[in-house]
C-alpha atoms as a PDB file:
ATOM      1  CA  MET A   1       4.059 -36.344 -28.300  1.00  0.00           C
ATOM      2  CA  PRO A   2       3.422 -33.191 -26.420  1.00  0.00           C
ATOM      3  CA  PHE A   3       1.068 -33.541 -23.325  1.00  0.00           C
ATOM      4  CA  ASP A   4      -2.238 -32.165 -24.396  1.00  0.00           C
ATOM      5  CA  LEU A   5      -3.124 -30.016 -21.207  1.00  0.00           C
ATOM      6  CA  GLY A   6      -6.241 -28.787 -22.387  1.00  0.00           C
ATOM      7  CA  ALA A   7      -7.632 -32.257 -22.896  1.00  0.00           C
ATOM      8  CA  TYR A   8      -6.343 -33.224 -19.154  1.00  0.00           C
ATOM      9  CA  LEU A   9      -7.784 -30.182 -17.629  1.00  0.00           C
ATOM     10  CA  ALA A  10     -11.148 -30.755 -19.368  1.00  0.00           C
ATOM     11  CA  ARG A  11     -11.359 -34.232 -18.291  1.00  0.00           C
ATOM     12  CA  ILE A  12     -10.695 -33.104 -14.342  1.00  0.00           C
ATOM     13  CA  GLY A  13     -13.030 -30.232 -14.968  1.00  0.00           C
ATOM     14  CA  LEU A  14     -10.690 -27.250 -14.660  1.00  0.00           C
ATOM     15  CA  ASP A  15     -10.443 -24.044 -17.016  1.00  0.00           C
ATOM     16  CA  ARG A  16      -7.183 -22.890 -15.963  1.00  0.00           C
ATOM     17  CA  ILE A  17      -4.283 -23.372 -13.545  1.00  0.00           C
ATOM     18  CA  ARG A  18      -3.243 -20.856 -10.962  1.00  0.00           C
ATOM     19  CA  PRO A  19       0.615 -20.708 -10.363  1.00  0.00           C
ATOM     20  CA  GLY A  20       2.141 -21.737  -7.012  1.00  0.00           C
ATOM     21  CA  ILE A  21       0.701 -23.933  -4.143  1.00  0.00           C
ATOM     22  CA  ALA A  22      -2.690 -23.183  -4.949  1.00  0.00           C
ATOM     23  CA  GLY A  23      -2.624 -24.419  -8.627  1.00  0.00           C
ATOM     24  CA  LEU A  24      -0.814 -27.473  -7.364  1.00  0.00           C
ATOM     25  CA  ALA A  25      -3.759 -28.105  -4.701  1.00  0.00           C
ATOM     26  CA  ALA A  26      -6.140 -27.299  -7.125  1.00  0.00           C
ATOM     27  CA  MET A  27      -5.007 -29.735  -9.886  1.00  0.00           C
ATOM     28  CA  GLN A  28      -4.703 -32.546  -7.090  1.00  0.00           C
ATOM     29  CA  GLN A  29      -8.038 -32.114  -5.713  1.00  0.00           C
ATOM     30  CA  ALA A  30      -9.549 -31.940  -9.199  1.00  0.00           C
ATOM     31  CA  GLN A  31      -7.898 -35.172 -10.408  1.00  0.00           C
ATOM     32  CA  LEU A  32      -9.000 -37.051  -7.136  1.00  0.00           C
ATOM     33  CA  ARG A  33     -12.766 -35.939  -7.550  1.00  0.00           C
ATOM     34  CA  ALA A  34     -12.932 -36.413 -11.407  1.00  0.00           C
ATOM     35  CA  VAL A  35     -10.931 -39.554 -11.972  1.00  0.00           C
ATOM     36  CA  THR A  36     -11.603 -43.161 -10.141  1.00  0.00           C
ATOM     37  CA  PHE A  37      -9.210 -45.117  -8.477  1.00  0.00           C
ATOM     38  CA  GLU A  38      -9.693 -48.757 -10.057  1.00  0.00           C
ATOM     39  CA  ASN A  39      -7.590 -51.815 -10.913  1.00  0.00           C
ATOM     40  CA  PHE A  40      -9.952 -53.363 -12.969  1.00  0.00           C
ATOM     41  CA  ASP A  41      -7.222 -54.419 -15.880  1.00  0.00           C
ATOM     42  CA  PRO A  42      -4.818 -56.153 -13.159  1.00  0.00           C
ATOM     43  CA  LEU A  43      -7.994 -57.779 -11.639  1.00  0.00           C
ATOM     44  CA  LEU A  44      -8.980 -59.359 -15.191  1.00  0.00           C
ATOM     45  CA  GLY A  45      -5.380 -60.232 -15.995  1.00  0.00           C
ATOM     46  CA  ARG A  46      -4.158 -57.137 -17.848  1.00  0.00           C
ATOM     47  CA  VAL A  47      -0.979 -55.402 -17.281  1.00  0.00           C
ATOM     48  CA  PRO A  48      -1.600 -51.858 -17.589  1.00  0.00           C
ATOM     49  CA  LEU A  49       0.757 -50.077 -20.012  1.00  0.00           C
ATOM     50  CA  LEU A  50       2.997 -47.211 -18.259  1.00  0.00           C
ATOM     51  CA  GLY A  51       3.465 -45.142 -21.149  1.00  0.00           C
ATOM     52  CA  VAL A  52       2.082 -41.493 -20.504  1.00  0.00           C
ATOM     53  CA  GLU A  53       0.370 -41.803 -24.222  1.00  0.00           C
ATOM     54  CA  ASN A  54      -1.087 -45.180 -23.128  1.00  0.00           C
ATOM     55  CA  ILE A  55      -2.340 -43.646 -19.766  1.00  0.00           C
ATOM     56  CA  PHE A  56      -3.829 -40.654 -21.052  1.00  0.00           C
ATOM     57  CA  ALA A  57      -5.760 -42.571 -23.949  1.00  0.00           C
ATOM     58  CA  LYS A  58      -7.239 -44.666 -21.377  1.00  0.00           C
ATOM     59  CA  VAL A  59      -7.772 -42.014 -18.710  1.00  0.00           C
ATOM     60  CA  VAL A  60      -8.652 -38.674 -20.434  1.00  0.00           C
ATOM     61  CA  GLU A  61     -10.013 -40.147 -23.926  1.00  0.00           C
ATOM     62  CA  ARG A  62     -11.536 -43.008 -22.520  1.00  0.00           C
ATOM     63  CA  GLY A  63     -13.096 -42.038 -19.295  1.00  0.00           C
ATOM     64  CA  ARG A  64     -11.301 -44.815 -17.335  1.00  0.00           C
ATOM     65  CA  GLY A  65      -9.518 -44.619 -14.169  1.00  0.00           C
ATOM     66  CA  GLY A  66      -6.464 -46.354 -13.110  1.00  0.00           C
ATOM     67  CA  TYR A  67      -4.347 -47.303  -9.807  1.00  0.00           C
ATOM     68  CA  CYS A  68      -1.391 -45.159  -8.486  1.00  0.00           C
ATOM     69  CA  PHE A  69       1.384 -45.942 -11.016  1.00  0.00           C
ATOM     70  CA  GLU A  70      -1.110 -44.821 -13.511  1.00  0.00           C
ATOM     71  CA  LEU A  71      -2.820 -41.869 -12.231  1.00  0.00           C
ATOM     72  CA  ASN A  72       0.396 -40.348 -10.396  1.00  0.00           C
ATOM     73  CA  SER A  73       2.230 -40.746 -13.465  1.00  0.00           C
ATOM     74  CA  LEU A  74      -0.392 -38.864 -15.887  1.00  0.00           C
ATOM     75  CA  PHE A  75      -0.328 -36.354 -12.635  1.00  0.00           C
ATOM     76  CA  LYS A  76       3.409 -36.139 -13.027  1.00  0.00           C
ATOM     77  CA  ALA A  77       2.888 -35.475 -16.744  1.00  0.00           C
ATOM     78  CA  ALA A  78       0.252 -32.754 -16.420  1.00  0.00           C
ATOM     79  CA  LEU A  79       2.559 -30.974 -13.591  1.00  0.00           C
ATOM     80  CA  GLU A  80       5.459 -30.794 -15.625  1.00  0.00           C
ATOM     81  CA  ALA A  81       3.086 -29.401 -18.487  1.00  0.00           C
ATOM     82  CA  ALA A  82       2.028 -26.973 -16.344  1.00  0.00           C
ATOM     83  CA  GLY A  83       5.599 -25.594 -15.243  1.00  0.00           C
ATOM     84  CA  PHE A  84       6.029 -27.603 -11.856  1.00  0.00           C
ATOM     85  CA  ALA A  85       8.970 -29.944 -11.469  1.00  0.00           C
ATOM     86  CA  PRO A  86       7.532 -32.998  -9.499  1.00  0.00           C
ATOM     87  CA  ARG A  87       9.575 -35.983  -8.362  1.00  0.00           C
ATOM     88  CA  ARG A  88       9.076 -39.369  -7.694  1.00  0.00           C
ATOM     89  CA  MET A  89       8.798 -41.150  -4.549  1.00  0.00           C
ATOM     90  CA  LEU A  90       7.675 -44.828  -3.878  1.00  0.00           C
ATOM     91  CA  ALA A  91       5.774 -45.933  -0.640  1.00  0.00           C
ATOM     92  CA  ARG A  92       5.254 -48.518   1.529  1.00  0.00           C
ATOM     93  CA  VAL A  93       1.353 -48.980   2.372  1.00  0.00           C
ATOM     94  CA  ARG A  94       1.100 -49.715   6.045  1.00  0.00           C
ATOM     95  CA  MET A  95      -2.855 -49.645   6.177  1.00  0.00           C
ATOM     96  CA  ARG A  96      -2.507 -53.442   5.521  1.00  0.00           C
ATOM     97  CA  GLY A  97       0.941 -54.591   4.833  1.00  0.00           C
ATOM     98  CA  GLY A  98       2.893 -52.787   7.874  1.00  0.00           C
ATOM     99  CA  GLU A  99       6.491 -52.034   7.918  1.00  0.00           C
ATOM    100  CA  GLN A 100       7.355 -55.202   5.735  1.00  0.00           C
ATOM    101  CA  ALA A 101       5.111 -54.263   2.824  1.00  0.00           C
ATOM    102  CA  PRO A 102       6.939 -53.826  -0.384  1.00  0.00           C
ATOM    103  CA  ARG A 103       7.361 -50.241  -2.172  1.00  0.00           C
ATOM    104  CA  SER A 104       4.502 -50.538  -4.327  1.00  0.00           C
ATOM    105  CA  HIS A 105       2.745 -47.189  -4.119  1.00  0.00           C
ATOM    106  CA  LEU A 106       4.134 -44.399  -6.466  1.00  0.00           C
ATOM    107  CA  ILE A 107       3.643 -40.969  -4.948  1.00  0.00           C
ATOM    108  CA  LEU A 108       5.083 -37.316  -5.824  1.00  0.00           C
ATOM    109  CA  ARG A 109       6.920 -34.439  -3.989  1.00  0.00           C
ATOM    110  CA  VAL A 110       6.420 -31.072  -5.715  1.00  0.00           C
ATOM    111  CA  GLU A 111       8.013 -27.434  -4.836  1.00  0.00           C
ATOM    112  CA  ALA A 112       6.103 -24.758  -5.304  1.00  0.00           C
ATOM    113  CA  ASP A 113       6.292 -21.016  -3.674  1.00  0.00           C
ATOM    114  CA  GLY A 114       8.988 -22.367  -1.722  1.00  0.00           C
ATOM    115  CA  GLN A 115       7.173 -25.258   0.169  1.00  0.00           C
ATOM    116  CA  GLU A 116       7.881 -28.902  -0.633  1.00  0.00           C
ATOM    117  CA  SER A 117       4.631 -31.136  -0.457  1.00  0.00           C
ATOM    118  CA  LEU A 118       3.842 -34.518  -0.886  1.00  0.00           C
ATOM    119  CA  ALA A 119       1.361 -34.481  -3.883  1.00  0.00           C
ATOM    120  CA  ASP A 120      -0.479 -37.814  -4.224  1.00  0.00           C
ATOM    121  CA  ALA A 121      -3.429 -37.976  -6.858  1.00  0.00           C
ATOM    122  CA  GLY A 122      -3.540 -41.723  -6.858  1.00  0.00           C
ATOM    123  CA  PHE A 123      -4.074 -43.540  -3.366  1.00  0.00           C
ATOM    124  CA  GLY A 124      -6.871 -46.224  -3.237  1.00  0.00           C
ATOM    125  CA  GLY A 125      -7.507 -45.123   0.442  1.00  0.00           C
ATOM    126  CA  PRO A 126      -8.505 -42.096   2.377  1.00  0.00           C
ATOM    127  CA  GLY A 127      -5.657 -39.684   1.121  1.00  0.00           C
ATOM    128  CA  SER A 128      -5.722 -36.063   1.653  1.00  0.00           C
ATOM    129  CA  LEU A 129      -7.403 -34.116  -1.556  1.00  0.00           C
ATOM    130  CA  VAL A 130      -4.973 -31.393  -1.357  1.00  0.00           C
ATOM    131  CA  PRO A 131      -0.618 -31.643  -0.866  1.00  0.00           C
ATOM    132  CA  LEU A 132       0.633 -31.662   2.339  1.00  0.00           C
ATOM    133  CA  ASP A 133       3.488 -29.641   3.665  1.00  0.00           C
ATOM    134  CA  LEU A 134       6.510 -32.333   3.965  1.00  0.00           C
ATOM    135  CA  ALA A 135       8.330 -29.634   6.639  1.00  0.00           C
ATOM    136  CA  VAL A 136       5.491 -30.183   8.763  1.00  0.00           C
ATOM    137  CA  ARG A 137       5.053 -32.750  11.780  1.00  0.00           C
ATOM    138  CA  GLU A 138       1.948 -31.098  13.308  1.00  0.00           C
ATOM    139  CA  PRO A 139      -1.376 -32.007  12.325  1.00  0.00           C
ATOM    140  CA  GLN A 140      -2.529 -30.508   8.723  1.00  0.00           C
ATOM    141  CA  GLN A 141      -6.280 -29.895   7.827  1.00  0.00           C
ATOM    142  CA  ALA A 142      -7.395 -31.004   4.243  1.00  0.00           C
ATOM    143  CA  PRO A 143     -11.082 -30.780   3.157  1.00  0.00           C
ATOM    144  CA  ASN A 144     -11.600 -34.507   3.560  1.00  0.00           C
ATOM    145  CA  GLY A 145      -9.519 -34.835   6.842  1.00  0.00           C
ATOM    146  CA  THR A 146      -6.796 -34.333   9.347  1.00  0.00           C
ATOM    147  CA  TYR A 147      -3.204 -35.791   8.410  1.00  0.00           C
ATOM    148  CA  ARG A 148       0.100 -35.847   9.905  1.00  0.00           C
ATOM    149  CA  PHE A 149       3.692 -36.547   8.939  1.00  0.00           C
ATOM    150  CA  ILE A 150       5.757 -38.382  11.550  1.00  0.00           C
ATOM    151  CA  ASP A 151       9.423 -39.630  11.446  1.00  0.00           C
ATOM    152  CA  THR A 152      10.235 -43.727  12.246  1.00  0.00           C
ATOM    153  CA  PRO A 153      13.870 -43.962  12.875  1.00  0.00           C
ATOM    154  CA  ALA A 154      13.714 -47.430  12.907  1.00  0.00           C
ATOM    155  CA  SER A 155      12.862 -47.434   9.247  1.00  0.00           C
ATOM    156  CA  GLY A 156      14.151 -44.158   7.977  1.00  0.00           C
ATOM    157  CA  GLU A 157      10.860 -43.423   6.609  1.00  0.00           C
ATOM    158  CA  VAL A 158       8.110 -40.607   6.954  1.00  0.00           C
ATOM    159  CA  VAL A 159       5.149 -42.073   7.571  1.00  0.00           C
ATOM    160  CA  LEU A 160       1.662 -40.134   6.567  1.00  0.00           C
ATOM    161  CA  GLU A 161      -0.957 -40.825   9.023  1.00  0.00           C
ATOM    162  CA  ARG A 162      -4.977 -39.696   8.803  1.00  0.00           C
ATOM    163  CA  LEU A 163      -7.203 -39.043  12.283  1.00  0.00           C
ATOM    164  CA  ASP A 164      -9.766 -41.569  11.993  1.00  0.00           C
ATOM    165  CA  GLY A 165     -12.296 -41.962  14.884  1.00  0.00           C
ATOM    166  CA  GLY A 166     -10.170 -40.384  17.421  1.00  0.00           C
ATOM    167  CA  GLU A 167      -6.720 -42.449  16.588  1.00  0.00           C
ATOM    168  CA  TRP A 168      -4.238 -42.006  13.963  1.00  0.00           C
ATOM    169  CA  LEU A 169      -4.503 -44.482  11.218  1.00  0.00           C
ATOM    170  CA  GLN A 170      -1.212 -44.970   9.241  1.00  0.00           C
ATOM    171  CA  LEU A 171      -1.503 -44.748   5.591  1.00  0.00           C
ATOM    172  CA  TYR A 172       1.931 -45.379   4.086  1.00  0.00           C
ATOM    173  CA  GLY A 173       5.724 -44.329   4.776  1.00  0.00           C
ATOM    174  CA  PHE A 174       8.221 -43.238   2.250  1.00  0.00           C
ATOM    175  CA  ASP A 175      11.609 -41.669   2.031  1.00  0.00           C
ATOM    176  CA  THR A 176      13.345 -39.475  -0.321  1.00  0.00           C
ATOM    177  CA  ALA A 177      15.508 -41.633  -2.206  1.00  0.00           C
ATOM    178  CA  TYR A 178      15.942 -41.010  -6.204  1.00  0.00           C
ATOM    179  CA  VAL A 179      13.697 -43.671  -8.048  1.00  0.00           C
ATOM    180  CA  THR A 180      14.270 -44.577 -11.300  1.00  0.00           C
ATOM    181  CA  ASP A 181      12.429 -45.485 -14.366  1.00  0.00           C
ATOM    182  CA  GLY A 182      13.203 -49.096 -13.852  1.00  0.00           C
ATOM    183  CA  GLU A 183      12.073 -49.209 -10.427  1.00  0.00           C
ATOM    184  CA  VAL A 184       8.718 -47.673 -10.894  1.00  0.00           C
ATOM    185  CA  ALA A 185       8.456 -50.398 -14.027  1.00  0.00           C
ATOM    186  CA  ALA A 186       9.285 -53.178 -11.319  1.00  0.00           C
ATOM    187  CA  ALA A 187       6.928 -52.243  -8.621  1.00  0.00           C
ATOM    188  CA  HIS A 188       3.998 -51.787 -11.217  1.00  0.00           C
ATOM    189  CA  HIS A 189       4.804 -55.205 -12.483  1.00  0.00           C
ATOM    190  CA  LEU A 190       5.004 -56.818  -9.340  1.00  0.00           C
ATOM    191  CA  CYS A 191       1.475 -54.988  -8.367  1.00  0.00           C
ATOM    192  CA  ALA A 192      -0.173 -55.744 -11.542  1.00  0.00           C
ATOM    193  CA  THR A 193       0.546 -59.810 -11.377  1.00  0.00           C
ATOM    194  CA  TRP A 194       1.992 -61.040  -8.201  1.00  0.00           C
ATOM    195  CA  SER A 195      -0.651 -63.148  -6.348  1.00  0.00           C
ATOM    196  CA  ASP A 196      -0.133 -61.939  -3.053  1.00  0.00           C
ATOM    197  CA  ALA A 197      -0.654 -58.297  -4.088  1.00  0.00           C
ATOM    198  CA  PRO A 198      -4.120 -57.063  -3.606  1.00  0.00           C
ATOM    199  CA  PHE A 199      -4.556 -55.541  -7.468  1.00  0.00           C
ATOM    200  CA  SER A 200      -4.799 -58.918  -9.188  1.00  0.00           C
ATOM    201  CA  SER A 201      -7.046 -60.862  -6.864  1.00  0.00           C
ATOM    202  CA  HIS A 202      -9.192 -58.203  -5.240  1.00  0.00           C
ATOM    203  CA  LEU A 203     -10.846 -55.105  -6.615  1.00  0.00           C
ATOM    204  CA  LEU A 204     -10.513 -51.647  -5.127  1.00  0.00           C
ATOM    205  CA  LEU A 205     -12.158 -48.433  -5.957  1.00  0.00           C
ATOM    206  CA  ASN A 206     -11.894 -45.025  -4.671  1.00  0.00           C
ATOM    207  CA  ALA A 207     -14.200 -42.390  -5.884  1.00  0.00           C
ATOM    208  CA  TYR A 208     -15.258 -38.691  -4.833  1.00  0.00           C
ATOM    209  CA  ARG A 209     -18.606 -37.514  -5.738  1.00  0.00           C
ATOM    210  CA  GLY A 210     -18.870 -34.181  -3.758  1.00  0.00           C
ATOM    211  CA  ASP A 211     -17.942 -34.423  -0.140  1.00  0.00           C
ATOM    212  CA  THR A 212     -18.843 -38.102  -0.240  1.00  0.00           C
ATOM    213  CA  ARG A 213     -16.176 -40.919  -0.909  1.00  0.00           C
ATOM    214  CA  TYR A 214     -17.098 -44.330  -1.733  1.00  0.00           C
ATOM    215  CA  GLY A 215     -14.423 -47.095  -1.243  1.00  0.00           C
ATOM    216  CA  LEU A 216     -14.870 -50.374  -2.436  1.00  0.00           C
ATOM    217  CA  PHE A 217     -12.867 -53.654  -1.381  1.00  0.00           C
ATOM    218  CA  ASP A 218     -14.372 -56.582  -3.364  1.00  0.00           C
ATOM    219  CA  ARG A 219     -18.103 -56.795  -2.634  1.00  0.00           C
ATOM    220  CA  MET A 220     -17.638 -54.321   0.817  1.00  0.00           C
ATOM    221  CA  LEU A 221     -18.703 -50.647   0.110  1.00  0.00           C
ATOM    222  CA  THR A 222     -17.745 -48.189   2.309  1.00  0.00           C
ATOM    223  CA  VAL A 223     -19.280 -44.563   2.052  1.00  0.00           C
ATOM    224  CA  GLU A 224     -17.502 -41.570   4.146  1.00  0.00           C
ATOM    225  CA  ARG A 225     -19.538 -38.448   4.664  1.00  0.00           C
ATOM    226  CA  THR A 226     -18.577 -35.320   6.610  1.00  0.00           C
ATOM    227  CA  ASP A 227     -20.592 -36.648   9.421  1.00  0.00           C
ATOM    228  CA  GLY A 228     -19.617 -40.241   9.624  1.00  0.00           C
ATOM    229  CA  SER A 229     -19.171 -43.130   7.521  1.00  0.00           C
ATOM    230  CA  GLU A 230     -21.059 -46.447   6.950  1.00  0.00           C
ATOM    231  CA  THR A 231     -20.124 -49.984   5.350  1.00  0.00           C
ATOM    232  CA  CYS A 232     -22.392 -52.491   3.876  1.00  0.00           C
ATOM    233  CA  GLU A 233     -22.017 -55.588   1.364  1.00  0.00           C
ATOM    234  CA  ILE A 234     -23.034 -55.433  -2.309  1.00  0.00           C
ATOM    235  CA  ALA A 235     -25.496 -57.975  -2.613  1.00  0.00           C
ATOM    236  CA  GLY A 236     -25.816 -58.664  -6.490  1.00  0.00           C
ATOM    237  CA  PHE A 237     -24.797 -57.711  -9.925  1.00  0.00           C
ATOM    238  CA  GLU A 238     -27.499 -54.729 -10.815  1.00  0.00           C
ATOM    239  CA  GLU A 239     -26.229 -53.157  -7.190  1.00  0.00           C
ATOM    240  CA  PHE A 240     -22.836 -53.500  -8.473  1.00  0.00           C
ATOM    241  CA  ALA A 241     -23.284 -52.238 -12.174  1.00  0.00           C
ATOM    242  CA  GLU A 242     -25.347 -49.421 -10.673  1.00  0.00           C
ATOM    243  CA  LEU A 243     -22.871 -48.232  -8.536  1.00  0.00           C
ATOM    244  CA  ILE A 244     -19.900 -48.597 -11.115  1.00  0.00           C
ATOM    245  CA  GLY A 245     -22.322 -46.383 -13.263  1.00  0.00           C
ATOM    246  CA  ARG A 246     -22.575 -43.786 -10.969  1.00  0.00           C
ATOM    247  CA  VAL A 247     -19.299 -43.506  -9.394  1.00  0.00           C
ATOM    248  CA  GLY A 248     -16.861 -46.013 -11.110  1.00  0.00           C
ATOM    249  CA  PRO A 249     -14.888 -45.560 -14.618  1.00  0.00           C
ATOM    250  CA  LYS A 250     -16.521 -46.306 -18.058  1.00  0.00           C
ATOM    251  CA  LEU A 251     -16.553 -50.180 -18.442  1.00  0.00           C
ATOM    252  CA  ASP A 252     -17.887 -52.361 -21.201  1.00  0.00           C
ATOM    253  CA  ILE A 253     -20.606 -54.997 -19.811  1.00  0.00           C
ATOM    254  CA  ASP A 254     -18.169 -57.709 -20.569  1.00  0.00           C
ATOM    255  CA  ASP A 255     -15.546 -56.319 -18.149  1.00  0.00           C
ATOM    256  CA  LEU A 256     -18.436 -55.487 -15.668  1.00  0.00           C
ATOM    257  CA  VAL A 257     -19.790 -58.973 -15.702  1.00  0.00           C
ATOM    258  CA  ALA A 258     -16.045 -60.748 -15.573  1.00  0.00           C
ATOM    259  CA  ALA A 259     -15.395 -58.622 -12.697  1.00  0.00           C
ATOM    260  CA  TRP A 260     -18.361 -59.369 -10.654  1.00  0.00           C
ATOM    261  CA  GLU A 261     -17.420 -62.967 -11.271  1.00  0.00           C
ATOM    262  CA  ARG A 262     -14.227 -62.545  -9.918  1.00  0.00           C
ATOM    263  CA  LEU A 263     -16.171 -61.212  -6.767  1.00  0.00           C
ATOM    264  CA  ALA A 264     -18.702 -63.721  -6.942  1.00  0.00           C
END
């Protein structure tokens, strides 16, 4: 079944795709701003289906979000439909797990205008809104922060870092090894079902509204603006429901109540 690029573009708020790196950047930023990173399905005991048609129905047609295996699989399919040739990589998130964490984050590398870039429209943390040049080791400025790549000879990985409060925060590490469908399926199943993975036992949400990023970990909400950030605890269900209704995916009331009960 052909990918409905027009419906995808309408979902992310683009009317056309520009060629080259400018078009790639516009697609990544538009998807990140329009589609919420969220793991309500794994939290509620449901393993998301990874077929592109399933993800398309969930995200594009029903207005839901998803997590990296869904969102970057959708992004990959859209890029291919737009004439790009993305390749998958698996990354090791370092924000909580460090160097020993499993490869549990799906990302893409895309060549455009002679530049090979890291493209990621499915990170549940403070990732870059635009693709980053994989050949550059100096800091790179994005609309939402400053990023850099560092090489780590001990692990053989390239690590993406973000400047945070004057210090470099490690986000995730990766290499360029070929990634198979089976590896993606295995990593996805591990993330959605393993009790030690955050997705089946904690709520993670990452959403952009204008220049403001909303990050939710269980009941702790971080609101990041251009002039700083603040963190507070969601006090009750009404506040939770209002937040999800404002920045989150389209959820029915039963799922919203069930998710809150997991967090209470």
